C-alpha atoms as a PDB file:
ATOM      1  CA  UNK A   1     -11.143 -11.700   3.103  1.00  0.00           C
ATOM      2  CA  UNK A   2      -9.657 -15.144   2.477  1.00  0.00           C
ATOM      3  CA  UNK A   3      -9.466 -14.461  -1.281  1.00  0.00           C
ATOM      4  CA  UNK A   4      -7.377 -11.363  -0.607  1.00  0.00           C
ATOM      5  CA  UNK A   5      -5.070 -13.265   1.731  1.00  0.00           C
ATOM      6  CA  UNK A   6      -4.757 -16.108  -0.799  1.00  0.00           C
ATOM      7  CA  UNK A   7      -3.765 -13.589  -3.470  1.00  0.00           C
ATOM      8  CA  UNK A   8      -1.115 -12.068  -1.189  1.00  0.00           C
ATOM      9  CA  UNK A   9       0.203 -15.566  -0.395  1.00  0.00           C
ATOM     10  CA  UNK A  10       0.339 -16.461  -4.094  1.00  0.00           C
ATOM     11  CA  UNK A  11       2.337 -13.285  -4.759  1.00  0.00           C
ATOM     12  CA  UNK A  12       4.763 -14.191  -1.986  1.00  0.00           C
ATOM     13  CA  UNK A  13       4.013 -11.089   0.078  1.00  0.00           C
ATOM     14  CA  UNK A  14       2.739 -12.896   3.170  1.00  0.00           C
ATOM     15  CA  UNK A  15       3.213 -16.229   4.885  1.00  0.00           C
ATOM     16  CA  UNK A  16       1.020 -17.910   7.469  1.00  0.00           C
ATOM     17  CA  UNK A  17       0.963 -20.573  10.112  1.00  0.00           C
ATOM     18  CA  UNK A  18      -1.944 -22.257  11.840  1.00  0.00           C
ATOM     19  CA  UNK A  19      -2.472 -23.053  15.503  1.00  0.00           C
ATOM     20  CA  UNK A  20      -5.662 -24.978  16.012  1.00  0.00           C
ATOM     21  CA  UNK A  21      -8.455 -23.060  14.288  1.00  0.00           C
ATOM     22  CA  UNK A  22      -6.478 -19.807  14.119  1.00  0.00           C
ATOM     23  CA  UNK A  23      -4.217 -18.605  11.332  1.00  0.00           C
ATOM     24  CA  UNK A  24      -1.405 -16.122  11.881  1.00  0.00           C
ATOM     25  CA  UNK A  25      -0.193 -14.028   8.941  1.00  0.00           C
ATOM     26  CA  UNK A  26       3.079 -12.152   8.588  1.00  0.00           C
ATOM     27  CA  UNK A  27       4.897 -10.227   5.880  1.00  0.00           C
ATOM     28  CA  UNK A  28       7.588 -12.268   4.167  1.00  0.00           C
ATOM     29  CA  UNK A  29       9.725  -9.128   3.847  1.00  0.00           C
ATOM     30  CA  UNK A  30       9.400  -7.022   7.006  1.00  0.00           C
ATOM     31  CA  UNK A  31      11.198  -3.988   5.537  1.00  0.00           C
ATOM     32  CA  UNK A  32       8.873  -1.248   4.255  1.00  0.00           C
ATOM     33  CA  UNK A  33       7.766  -1.544   0.648  1.00  0.00           C
ATOM     34  CA  UNK A  34       8.402   1.363  -1.706  1.00  0.00           C
ATOM     35  CA  UNK A  35       4.983   1.966  -3.222  1.00  0.00           C
ATOM     36  CA  UNK A  36       6.031   5.171  -4.935  1.00  0.00           C
ATOM     37  CA  UNK A  37       4.271   7.571  -2.575  1.00  0.00           C
ATOM     38  CA  UNK A  38       6.109   9.490   0.089  1.00  0.00           C
ATOM     39  CA  UNK A  39       4.307  12.359   1.835  1.00  0.00           C
ATOM     40  CA  UNK A  40       6.131  15.636   1.523  1.00  0.00           C
ATOM     41  CA  UNK A  41       8.039  14.670  -1.627  1.00  0.00           C
ATOM     42  CA  UNK A  42       7.411  14.808  -5.351  1.00  0.00           C
ATOM     43  CA  UNK A  43       5.786  11.390  -5.072  1.00  0.00           C
ATOM     44  CA  UNK A  44       2.606  12.909  -3.638  1.00  0.00           C
ATOM     45  CA  UNK A  45      -0.610  13.867  -5.412  1.00  0.00           C
ATOM     46  CA  UNK A  46      -0.151  16.263  -8.303  1.00  0.00           C
ATOM     47  CA  UNK A  47      -1.582  19.759  -7.971  1.00  0.00           C
ATOM     48  CA  UNK A  48      -2.012  22.374 -10.661  1.00  0.00           C
ATOM     49  CA  UNK A  49      -2.924  26.012 -10.938  1.00  0.00           C
ATOM     50  CA  UNK A  50      -6.591  26.800 -11.510  1.00  0.00           C
ATOM     51  CA  UNK A  51      -7.643  29.148 -14.306  1.00  0.00           C
ATOM     52  CA  UNK A  52      -8.229  31.930 -11.753  1.00  0.00           C
ATOM     53  CA  UNK A  53      -4.629  31.706 -10.579  1.00  0.00           C
ATOM     54  CA  UNK A  54      -5.363  29.740  -7.391  1.00  0.00           C
ATOM     55  CA  UNK A  55      -2.644  27.142  -6.938  1.00  0.00           C
ATOM     56  CA  UNK A  56      -2.640  23.997  -4.872  1.00  0.00           C
ATOM     57  CA  UNK A  57      -5.976  22.566  -5.947  1.00  0.00           C
ATOM     58  CA  UNK A  58      -6.043  18.816  -6.672  1.00  0.00           C
ATOM     59  CA  UNK A  59      -5.979  17.935 -10.357  1.00  0.00           C
END
């Protein structure tokens, strides 16, 4: 886990502080990140028609 946290720190996505033996992590930018996926919009998983005419199956 510490390698993942170190990577996020190096990218500037999180910051941390220590209190004794504990470390507290927080996002450097508390606003939501736009990762390109929004449920219920065109940003969701693509679906295509199947050869039999059944639509809505995952590609």
